[in-house]
Amino acid sequence: MKNKSVHRRSFIKTASIGAVAASQIVPSFAFSFQGSKQSGKLAALGGTAVRSNKSWPRWPYRDQNVLDEITKTTESGIWCRIQSKTGTVPTFEKKYAEMIGVKHCVAVGSGTQALHTSVEALGLGPGDEVITSPYTDPGTIAAILSARALPVLADIDRLSFQLDPDDVERRINKNTKAIMPVHMMGQAANMERFMQIAKKHKLFVIEDACQAHFAKYQGKMLGTIGDLGCFSHQSSKVLACGEGGNIIGNDDELMDRCFTVQNHGTSKRGRTETIGPKYRMNEFEGAILLGQLPTVMERHALRNRNAKYLTSKIKDIPGIYPQKLYEGTEEGSFYLYSMSYDKKLYNGTDRSIYLKALAAEGIGLSPYIKNGLHREPWVDNIISRKVYQKMYTAERLQQFKEEMVCPNCDIVCDEEMLMLWASGPLTGTLEDMDDIINALTKVYENRDQLSKV
């Protein structure tokens, strides 16, 4: 949203999500909504629920192939990757790299570990600054803080929930060394702009693709566009093993450094060469991942089909705006299916009441992140630490705190975000999707009842 005649912050304070949507070329709903005959008493007030006595597909995914891989690994006695060059972890690395279309993959113990390994491998540390999003898991900034660099948080776009390139560029200074865009919900951040900014200012780009397995943007898989791409395999993710993560890339030397860093500084040549934690993925995690690879793209295709169907219907429900996708977005992981809520079209009903009404209809949505990271106590914690006071001037730390302002993120967290956790549910049937659509429609059609919920 660009409007030079209106001051950015004053606009944010006065504009509704509907006005923002209009400026982002999101369809107007005033005349397109036809309803779907869902009228009646809300379930929260004693009416009949849209969905009851139904379950979503179970998650994490497992089938006999997964169980067989675990059993085979247990019986082999090879439980650590260093025991065999052909164990489950090295095999997973090879196959995942092939699926993504890169030369190298290094598996680690979590997405946070993947990000931290990348920061270290790029030589980022004390005195350096990395710009990233406030609307993300704490692991994103933990990766930067673990290297004793400074995470600078830029604001987000209210409709895509992604890092705002304009605000990123505004925050670049002489100490900025990298941008870490986060592909929220498994959809692409505005990578075309971020790569332009990085080239202009000579910055590294680390893609936090922890939620974005197999997502495609402008003909490329997410994670392959920047210098390094990082993924998570935590139990909620679309490719899960409890915990776990990986780093992908095409630069032989850089990926060799990633291996060395995560292997407590010991290289493939068997020499201890640098500082590094022990972040190795274990063979049981590798087995669980390998067991899913033969069918993982079937579930990916199903999520994309169901998400497309949901969006085609939800876009006609007033006051509910499916996540904005950037031009060139081809597929998402749909780790989450997200929307924005405009309470003005629901008689000013607070989001918490709206969610309560939906839950009574059998559809559980969530606000997702309660607070942006700019509102969490880590900020005061690090600027009071002696190590940060030695590495950064008092003036820079004071400025760092004062500029920890992200009004768009605040509105998204406090008022607008709605999301369906989707790894399992979006592998359901079209009938399941209709339940979601019908519940959303019913609540809209009976919005006058929300004041009694």
Protein backbone atom coordinates (compact mmCIF):
# COMPACT_ATOMS: atom_id res chain seq x y z
CA MET A 1 0.00 0.00 0.00
CA LYS A 2 1.51 3.24 -1.17
CA ASN A 3 -0.24 6.54 -0.59
CA LYS A 4 2.12 9.49 -0.37
CA SER A 5 -0.69 11.91 0.52
CA VAL A 6 -1.49 10.10 3.76
CA HIS A 7 1.05 9.71 6.54
CA ARG A 8 1.72 6.01 7.06
CA ARG A 9 0.98 5.81 10.77
CA SER A 10 -2.09 8.01 10.70
CA PHE A 11 -3.45 5.87 7.89
CA ILE A 12 -2.91 2.70 9.90
CA LYS A 13 -4.80 4.17 12.83
CA THR A 14 -7.84 5.15 10.76
CA ALA A 15 -8.12 2.61 7.94
CA SER A 16 -10.22 -0.52 8.22
CA ILE A 17 -8.94 -3.80 6.85
CA GLY A 18 -11.50 -3.41 4.08
CA ALA A 19 -9.96 -0.12 2.97
CA VAL A 20 -6.51 -1.67 2.98
CA ALA A 21 -7.83 -4.61 0.99
CA ALA A 22 -9.27 -2.31 -1.63
CA SER A 23 -5.91 -0.63 -2.10
CA GLN A 24 -4.31 -4.07 -2.53
CA ILE A 25 -6.67 -4.96 -5.41
CA VAL A 26 -8.75 -7.34 -3.32
CA PRO A 27 -12.31 -7.73 -4.67
CA SER A 28 -15.12 -5.70 -3.14
CA PHE A 29 -17.75 -7.83 -1.44
CA ALA A 30 -20.62 -5.36 -1.29
CA PHE A 31 -22.57 -6.88 -4.16
CA SER A 32 -21.01 -10.31 -4.78
CA PHE A 33 -22.13 -12.14 -1.67
CA GLN A 34 -25.10 -14.40 -2.30
CA GLY A 35 -25.27 -16.31 0.98
CA SER A 36 -25.79 -20.05 1.19
CA LYS A 37 -28.96 -20.56 3.20
CA GLN A 38 -27.12 -21.08 6.47
CA SER A 39 -29.45 -18.82 8.40
CA GLY A 40 -30.66 -19.92 11.80
CA LYS A 41 -29.72 -19.68 15.43
CA LEU A 42 -25.98 -19.71 16.14
CA ALA A 43 -24.82 -22.90 17.83
CA ALA A 44 -23.30 -20.77 20.59
CA LEU A 45 -26.87 -19.70 21.41
CA GLY A 46 -28.39 -23.16 21.23
CA GLY A 47 -28.71 -23.69 17.49
CA THR A 48 -27.51 -26.74 15.55
CA ALA A 49 -23.80 -26.75 14.77
CA VAL A 50 -22.66 -26.86 11.16
CA ARG A 51 -20.09 -29.54 11.96
CA SER A 52 -20.37 -32.12 14.72
CA ASN A 53 -19.14 -35.64 15.41
CA LYS A 54 -16.51 -35.33 12.69
CA SER A 55 -12.75 -35.52 12.96
CA TRP A 56 -9.98 -34.05 10.84
CA PRO A 57 -7.25 -36.21 9.28
CA ARG A 58 -4.85 -37.21 12.03
CA TRP A 59 -1.49 -35.52 12.36
CA PRO A 60 1.49 -36.00 12.33
CA TYR A 61 1.14 -38.17 9.27
CA ARG A 62 2.16 -41.80 9.60
CA ASP A 63 1.56 -44.94 7.62
CA GLN A 64 3.04 -48.41 7.45
CA ASN A 65 5.97 -47.16 5.40
CA VAL A 66 6.93 -44.74 8.20
CA LEU A 67 6.63 -47.49 10.81
CA ASP A 68 8.72 -49.85 8.67
CA GLU A 69 11.49 -47.25 8.34
CA ILE A 70 11.57 -46.75 12.11
CA THR A 71 11.68 -50.50 12.74
CA LYS A 72 14.44 -50.97 10.17
CA THR A 73 16.50 -48.21 11.78
CA THR A 74 15.96 -49.63 15.27
CA GLU A 75 17.10 -53.07 14.21
CA SER A 76 20.11 -51.74 12.28
CA GLY A 77 21.78 -50.28 15.36
CA ILE A 78 22.74 -47.25 13.25
CA TRP A 79 21.17 -44.51 15.31
CA CYS A 80 23.62 -41.65 14.67
CA ARG A 81 24.45 -40.20 11.26
CA ILE A 82 28.21 -40.52 11.76
CA GLN A 83 27.89 -44.31 11.90
CA SER A 84 27.09 -44.62 8.21
CA LYS A 85 27.42 -42.54 5.06
CA THR A 86 24.31 -44.29 3.71
CA GLY A 87 22.14 -44.03 6.83
CA THR A 88 18.70 -42.44 6.94
CA VAL A 89 19.94 -38.87 7.46
CA PRO A 90 22.44 -38.79 4.56
CA THR A 91 19.85 -40.54 2.40
CA PHE A 92 17.17 -38.02 3.35
CA GLU A 93 19.54 -35.13 2.61
CA LYS A 94 20.18 -36.48 -0.87
CA LYS A 95 16.53 -37.14 -1.67
CA TYR A 96 15.25 -33.85 -0.26
CA ALA A 97 17.85 -31.89 -2.24
CA GLU A 98 16.72 -33.69 -5.39
CA MET A 99 13.05 -32.91 -4.69
CA ILE A 100 13.76 -29.23 -4.08
CA GLY A 101 16.18 -29.01 -7.00
CA VAL A 102 19.40 -28.00 -5.24
CA LYS A 103 22.87 -29.50 -4.97
CA HIS A 104 23.09 -29.77 -1.20
CA CYS A 105 21.03 -30.35 1.92
CA VAL A 106 22.33 -30.48 5.51
CA ALA A 107 19.91 -31.94 8.06
CA VAL A 108 19.90 -30.62 11.63
CA GLY A 109 17.84 -30.92 14.81
CA SER A 110 15.32 -28.10 14.25
CA GLY A 111 14.40 -25.17 12.05
CA THR A 112 15.96 -22.84 14.62
CA GLN A 113 19.19 -24.80 14.39
CA ALA A 114 19.07 -24.56 10.60
CA LEU A 115 18.76 -20.78 10.80
CA HIS A 116 21.50 -20.42 13.43
CA THR A 117 23.83 -22.67 11.43
CA SER A 118 23.21 -20.47 8.38
CA VAL A 119 23.95 -17.27 10.30
CA GLU A 120 27.22 -18.73 11.59
CA ALA A 121 28.22 -20.19 8.21
CA LEU A 122 27.81 -16.76 6.60
CA GLY A 123 30.16 -15.28 9.20
CA LEU A 124 27.56 -13.07 10.86
CA GLY A 125 28.12 -12.19 14.50
CA PRO A 126 28.88 -9.45 17.02
CA GLY A 127 28.32 -5.98 15.58
CA ASP A 128 26.28 -7.26 12.64
CA GLU A 129 22.57 -6.67 12.13
CA VAL A 130 20.01 -8.92 10.44
CA ILE A 131 16.59 -7.58 9.47
CA THR A 132 13.66 -9.95 9.90
CA SER A 133 9.98 -10.12 10.80
CA PRO A 134 8.28 -9.59 14.16
CA TYR A 135 5.48 -11.91 13.04
CA THR A 136 7.17 -15.28 13.36
CA ASP A 137 8.23 -18.01 15.75
CA PRO A 138 10.85 -16.90 18.32
CA GLY A 139 13.26 -19.35 16.69
CA THR A 140 13.81 -16.84 13.90
CA ILE A 141 15.38 -14.25 16.19
CA ALA A 142 16.94 -16.93 18.44
CA ALA A 143 19.08 -17.93 15.46
CA ILE A 144 20.41 -14.38 15.19
CA LEU A 145 20.82 -13.84 18.93
CA SER A 146 22.69 -17.14 19.30
CA ALA A 147 25.36 -15.68 17.02
CA ARG A 148 25.32 -12.48 19.14
CA ALA A 149 24.17 -10.45 16.16
CA LEU A 150 21.30 -7.97 16.42
CA PRO A 151 17.82 -8.88 15.09
CA VAL A 152 16.23 -5.72 13.67
CA LEU A 153 12.49 -6.13 13.22
CA ALA A 154 10.67 -4.47 10.32
CA ASP A 155 6.90 -4.24 10.03
CA ILE A 156 4.69 -6.54 7.99
CA ASP A 157 2.07 -6.21 5.27
CA ARG A 158 -1.38 -6.48 6.89
CA LEU A 159 -2.93 -8.72 4.23
CA SER A 160 -0.05 -11.05 3.35
CA PHE A 161 1.37 -11.23 6.92
CA GLN A 162 4.80 -11.09 5.29
CA LEU A 163 7.76 -8.82 5.95
CA ASP A 164 7.29 -5.42 4.27
CA PRO A 165 10.15 -4.72 1.81
CA ASP A 166 9.72 -0.94 2.09
CA ASP A 167 10.10 -1.00 5.86
CA VAL A 168 13.07 -3.37 5.55
CA GLU A 169 14.91 -0.99 3.23
CA ARG A 170 14.17 1.94 5.52
CA ARG A 171 15.95 0.16 8.41
CA ILE A 172 19.16 -0.75 6.58
CA ASN A 173 22.33 0.85 7.96
CA LYS A 174 26.08 0.35 7.68
CA ASN A 175 25.97 -2.62 10.07
CA THR A 176 23.19 -4.47 8.24
CA LYS A 177 24.58 -7.67 6.75
CA ALA A 178 21.55 -9.80 5.91
CA ILE A 179 17.80 -10.01 5.42
CA MET A 180 15.88 -12.99 6.79
CA PRO A 181 12.42 -13.02 5.16
CA VAL A 182 9.96 -15.48 6.68
CA HIS A 183 7.55 -17.31 4.37
CA MET A 184 4.59 -17.11 6.72
CA MET A 185 1.90 -19.79 6.57
CA GLY A 186 3.96 -21.52 3.87
CA GLN A 187 3.38 -18.77 1.28
CA ALA A 188 6.06 -16.75 -0.46
CA ALA A 189 7.27 -13.46 0.93
CA ASN A 190 7.96 -10.79 -1.68
CA MET A 191 11.25 -12.38 -2.74
CA GLU A 192 11.53 -10.38 -5.97
CA ARG A 193 11.79 -7.19 -3.93
CA PHE A 194 14.01 -8.68 -1.26
CA MET A 195 16.52 -9.93 -3.79
CA GLN A 196 16.58 -6.48 -5.43
CA ILE A 197 17.19 -4.84 -2.06
CA ALA A 198 19.89 -7.36 -1.18
CA LYS A 199 21.71 -6.78 -4.47
CA LYS A 200 21.51 -3.01 -4.07
CA HIS A 201 22.89 -3.02 -0.52
CA LYS A 202 25.17 -6.08 -0.88
CA LEU A 203 23.35 -8.16 1.74
CA PHE A 204 22.98 -11.88 2.31
CA VAL A 205 19.49 -13.40 2.15
CA ILE A 206 18.57 -16.29 4.44
CA GLU A 207 15.12 -17.65 3.67
CA ASP A 208 13.20 -18.77 6.74
CA ALA A 209 11.17 -21.34 4.83
CA CYS A 210 10.46 -23.35 7.98
CA GLN A 211 6.74 -23.40 7.14
CA ALA A 212 7.10 -23.52 3.37
CA HIS A 213 8.09 -27.01 2.18
CA PHE A 214 7.64 -27.46 -1.59
CA ALA A 215 6.07 -24.02 -2.08
CA LYS A 216 6.82 -22.41 -5.45
CA TYR A 217 7.31 -18.78 -6.44
CA GLN A 218 8.14 -17.49 -9.91
CA GLY A 219 9.18 -20.96 -11.05
CA LYS A 220 11.46 -21.62 -8.05
CA MET A 221 11.01 -23.57 -4.85
CA LEU A 222 11.08 -21.41 -1.74
CA GLY A 223 14.42 -21.80 -0.02
CA THR A 224 16.31 -21.81 -3.33
CA ILE A 225 16.12 -18.08 -4.06
CA GLY A 226 18.37 -16.57 -1.37
CA ASP A 227 21.89 -17.58 -0.31
CA LEU A 228 20.51 -20.29 1.97
CA GLY A 229 17.08 -21.77 2.70
CA CYS A 230 16.00 -23.24 6.03
CA PHE A 231 13.18 -25.67 6.83
CA SER A 232 11.62 -27.12 9.98
CA HIS A 233 10.36 -30.67 10.54
CA GLN A 234 8.70 -30.00 13.89
CA SER A 235 5.66 -32.21 14.50
CA SER A 236 3.10 -29.70 13.24
CA LYS A 237 4.84 -29.10 9.90
CA VAL A 238 3.74 -30.59 6.58
CA LEU A 239 6.84 -32.82 6.59
CA ALA A 240 7.37 -33.69 10.23
CA CYS A 241 9.51 -35.87 12.45
CA GLY A 242 8.88 -34.40 15.92
CA GLU A 243 11.79 -32.01 15.77
CA GLY A 244 14.29 -31.54 12.98
CA GLY A 245 15.27 -29.16 10.24
CA ASN A 246 17.50 -28.70 7.23
CA ILE A 247 19.46 -26.18 5.20
CA ILE A 248 19.58 -26.17 1.41
CA GLY A 249 21.82 -24.39 -1.07
CA ASN A 250 23.88 -24.60 -4.25
CA ASP A 251 27.13 -22.96 -3.14
CA ASP A 252 29.56 -25.84 -2.53
CA GLU A 253 31.83 -23.93 -0.15
CA LEU A 254 29.00 -22.32 1.82
CA MET A 255 27.13 -25.60 2.26
CA ASP A 256 30.37 -27.27 3.35
CA ARG A 257 30.64 -24.58 6.04
CA CYS A 258 27.06 -25.30 7.09
CA PHE A 259 27.94 -28.96 7.57
CA THR A 260 31.03 -28.05 9.57
CA VAL A 261 29.21 -25.59 11.83
CA GLN A 262 26.39 -27.99 12.74
CA ASN A 263 28.90 -30.81 13.32
CA HIS A 264 30.47 -29.01 16.35
CA GLY A 265 32.95 -27.31 14.04
CA THR A 266 34.31 -30.56 12.61
CA SER A 267 34.44 -30.75 8.82
CA LYS A 268 33.84 -33.67 6.49
CA ARG A 269 37.61 -33.89 6.36
CA GLY A 270 37.64 -34.86 10.04
CA ARG A 271 39.36 -31.69 11.25
CA THR A 272 37.97 -29.36 13.89
CA GLU A 273 38.04 -26.11 11.96
CA THR A 274 35.67 -23.57 13.49
CA ILE A 275 33.20 -22.73 16.27
CA GLY A 276 30.04 -24.78 16.07
CA PRO A 277 27.33 -26.43 18.16
CA LYS A 278 26.31 -30.07 17.83
CA TYR A 279 23.14 -29.89 15.76
CA ARG A 280 23.15 -33.25 13.97
CA MET A 281 19.82 -34.84 13.07
CA ASN A 282 19.51 -38.38 14.44
CA GLU A 283 18.76 -41.46 12.37
CA PHE A 284 15.26 -41.98 13.79
CA GLU A 285 14.21 -38.53 12.62
CA GLY A 286 15.73 -39.32 9.24
CA ALA A 287 13.77 -42.57 9.12
CA ILE A 288 10.45 -40.86 9.84
CA LEU A 289 11.10 -38.31 7.11
CA LEU A 290 12.19 -40.92 4.59
CA GLY A 291 9.04 -42.90 5.26
CA GLN A 292 6.90 -39.92 4.22
CA LEU A 293 8.73 -38.85 1.06
CA PRO A 294 7.05 -41.34 -1.32
CA THR A 295 3.63 -39.78 -0.66
CA VAL A 296 4.39 -36.26 0.61
CA MET A 297 3.65 -34.60 -2.73
CA GLU A 298 0.20 -36.21 -2.83
CA ARG A 299 -0.65 -34.40 0.40
CA HIS A 300 0.94 -31.21 -0.93
CA ALA A 301 -1.31 -31.35 -4.00
CA LEU A 302 -4.36 -32.05 -1.84
CA ARG A 303 -3.69 -29.04 0.40
CA ASN A 304 -3.32 -26.79 -2.63
CA ARG A 305 -6.55 -28.13 -4.14
CA ASN A 306 -8.50 -27.65 -0.93
CA ALA A 307 -6.98 -24.23 -0.28
CA LYS A 308 -7.90 -23.07 -3.78
CA TYR A 309 -11.45 -24.29 -3.20
CA LEU A 310 -11.67 -22.53 0.17
CA THR A 311 -10.38 -19.27 -1.27
CA SER A 312 -12.83 -19.40 -4.18
CA LYS A 313 -15.71 -19.48 -1.68
CA ILE A 314 -14.38 -17.43 1.23
CA LYS A 315 -13.52 -14.46 -0.98
CA ASP A 316 -17.27 -13.85 -1.33
CA ILE A 317 -17.94 -13.76 2.41
CA PRO A 318 -17.94 -10.13 3.59
CA GLY A 319 -15.32 -9.16 6.13
CA ILE A 320 -13.16 -12.27 5.63
CA TYR A 321 -10.09 -11.82 3.42
CA PRO A 322 -7.94 -14.81 2.40
CA GLN A 323 -4.19 -14.23 2.74
CA LYS A 324 -2.84 -11.99 -0.01
CA LEU A 325 -0.41 -13.82 -2.28
CA TYR A 326 2.33 -12.05 -4.18
CA GLU A 327 2.47 -12.13 -7.96
CA GLY A 328 4.31 -15.23 -9.06
CA THR A 329 3.07 -17.42 -6.21
CA GLU A 330 2.34 -20.80 -7.77
CA GLU A 331 1.93 -23.22 -4.86
CA GLY A 332 2.00 -22.96 -1.08
CA SER A 333 2.76 -25.50 1.59
CA PHE A 334 -0.42 -24.38 3.39
CA TYR A 335 1.02 -25.19 6.78
CA LEU A 336 -1.65 -22.70 7.85
CA TYR A 337 -4.63 -21.36 5.94
CA SER A 338 -4.97 -17.74 7.01
CA MET A 339 -7.45 -14.90 6.66
CA SER A 340 -8.04 -11.37 7.92
CA TYR A 341 -11.15 -10.43 9.89
CA ASP A 342 -12.83 -7.02 9.60
CA LYS A 343 -15.00 -6.51 12.66
CA LYS A 344 -16.66 -3.47 11.11
CA LEU A 345 -18.65 -5.81 8.88
CA TYR A 346 -19.67 -7.82 11.96
CA ASN A 347 -21.23 -4.95 13.88
CA GLY A 348 -17.96 -4.23 15.65
CA THR A 349 -17.81 -7.71 17.19
CA ASP A 350 -14.45 -8.43 18.77
CA ARG A 351 -12.50 -11.22 17.11
CA SER A 352 -12.58 -13.34 20.29
CA ILE A 353 -16.39 -13.46 20.18
CA TYR A 354 -16.36 -14.24 16.48
CA LEU A 355 -13.96 -17.15 17.10
CA LYS A 356 -16.15 -18.40 19.95
CA ALA A 357 -19.16 -18.45 17.63
CA LEU A 358 -17.21 -20.35 14.95
CA ALA A 359 -15.91 -22.87 17.48
CA ALA A 360 -19.49 -23.61 18.56
CA GLU A 361 -20.26 -24.37 14.91
CA GLY A 362 -17.50 -27.00 14.99
CA ILE A 363 -14.78 -24.98 13.24
CA GLY A 364 -11.83 -24.02 15.42
CA LEU A 365 -9.85 -21.08 14.11
CA SER A 366 -7.11 -19.24 15.99
CA PRO A 367 -5.46 -15.79 16.08
CA TYR A 368 -2.07 -17.59 15.76
CA ILE A 369 0.62 -15.27 17.20
CA LYS A 370 -0.53 -13.35 20.28
CA ASN A 371 2.22 -10.73 20.27
CA GLY A 372 4.70 -9.67 17.64
CA LEU A 373 8.26 -10.28 18.79
CA HIS A 374 8.80 -6.52 19.07
CA ARG A 375 6.47 -6.60 22.11
CA GLU A 376 8.27 -9.40 23.95
CA PRO A 377 10.73 -8.88 26.87
CA TRP A 378 13.81 -10.16 25.01
CA VAL A 379 14.41 -6.62 23.76
CA ASP A 380 15.06 -5.24 27.26
CA ASN A 381 16.92 -8.41 28.15
CA ILE A 382 19.58 -8.14 25.46
CA ILE A 383 20.17 -4.38 25.70
CA SER A 384 20.85 -4.81 29.42
CA ARG A 385 23.41 -7.59 28.83
CA LYS A 386 27.06 -6.67 29.13
CA VAL A 387 27.96 -8.59 25.99
CA TYR A 388 25.59 -6.48 23.87
CA GLN A 389 26.69 -3.30 25.62
CA LYS A 390 30.27 -4.14 24.60
CA MET A 391 29.36 -4.93 20.99
CA TYR A 392 26.98 -2.03 20.30
CA THR A 393 27.08 1.60 21.35
CA ALA A 394 24.64 2.90 23.95
CA GLU A 395 23.18 5.17 21.27
CA ARG A 396 22.56 2.25 18.90
CA LEU A 397 20.90 0.15 21.61
CA GLN A 398 18.65 3.02 22.60
CA GLN A 399 17.72 3.62 18.96
CA PHE A 400 17.17 -0.13 18.53
CA LYS A 401 14.60 -0.10 21.34
CA GLU A 402 12.90 3.11 20.26
CA GLU A 403 12.47 1.85 16.70
CA MET A 404 10.95 -1.45 17.82
CA VAL A 405 7.61 -0.24 16.51
CA CYS A 406 5.52 -2.35 14.11
CA PRO A 407 1.94 -1.01 14.01
CA ASN A 408 0.75 -3.26 11.20
CA CYS A 409 1.90 -6.31 13.12
CA ASP A 410 0.05 -5.04 16.21
CA ILE A 411 -3.22 -4.78 14.31
CA VAL A 412 -2.80 -8.24 12.78
CA CYS A 413 -2.06 -9.79 16.19
CA ASP A 414 -4.69 -7.91 18.17
CA GLU A 415 -7.63 -7.73 15.77
CA GLU A 416 -7.41 -9.29 12.34
CA MET A 417 -5.65 -12.64 11.97
CA LEU A 418 -7.70 -15.82 11.61
CA MET A 419 -6.05 -19.09 10.77
CA LEU A 420 -6.84 -22.75 10.33
CA TRP A 421 -3.96 -25.03 11.26
CA ALA A 422 -3.80 -26.85 7.97
CA SER A 423 -1.14 -29.59 7.84
CA GLY A 424 -3.74 -32.22 8.65
CA PRO A 425 -7.13 -30.52 8.10
CA LEU A 426 -6.33 -29.37 4.56
CA THR A 427 -5.78 -33.00 3.57
CA GLY A 428 -9.46 -33.58 4.26
CA THR A 429 -12.35 -33.91 1.83
CA LEU A 430 -14.26 -31.24 -0.05
CA GLU A 431 -17.10 -31.96 2.37
CA ASP A 432 -14.76 -30.93 5.19
CA MET A 433 -13.99 -27.72 3.30
CA ASP A 434 -17.70 -27.07 2.85
CA ASP A 435 -18.12 -27.29 6.63
CA ILE A 436 -15.59 -24.47 7.02
CA ILE A 437 -17.28 -22.36 4.35
CA ASN A 438 -20.76 -23.00 5.74
CA ALA A 439 -19.72 -22.13 9.28
CA LEU A 440 -18.13 -18.85 8.14
CA THR A 441 -21.22 -18.07 6.08
CA LYS A 442 -23.62 -18.91 8.91
CA VAL A 443 -21.84 -16.63 11.34
CA TYR A 444 -21.91 -13.78 8.84
CA GLU A 445 -25.59 -14.26 8.04
CA ASN A 446 -26.35 -14.31 11.77
CA ARG A 447 -23.92 -11.59 12.78
CA ASP A 448 -26.71 -9.69 14.56
CA GLN A 449 -26.72 -12.52 17.12
CA LEU A 450 -23.03 -12.13 17.97
CA SER A 451 -23.74 -9.52 20.64
CA LYS A 452 -25.47 -12.28 22.65
CA VAL A 453 -22.64 -14.85 22.39
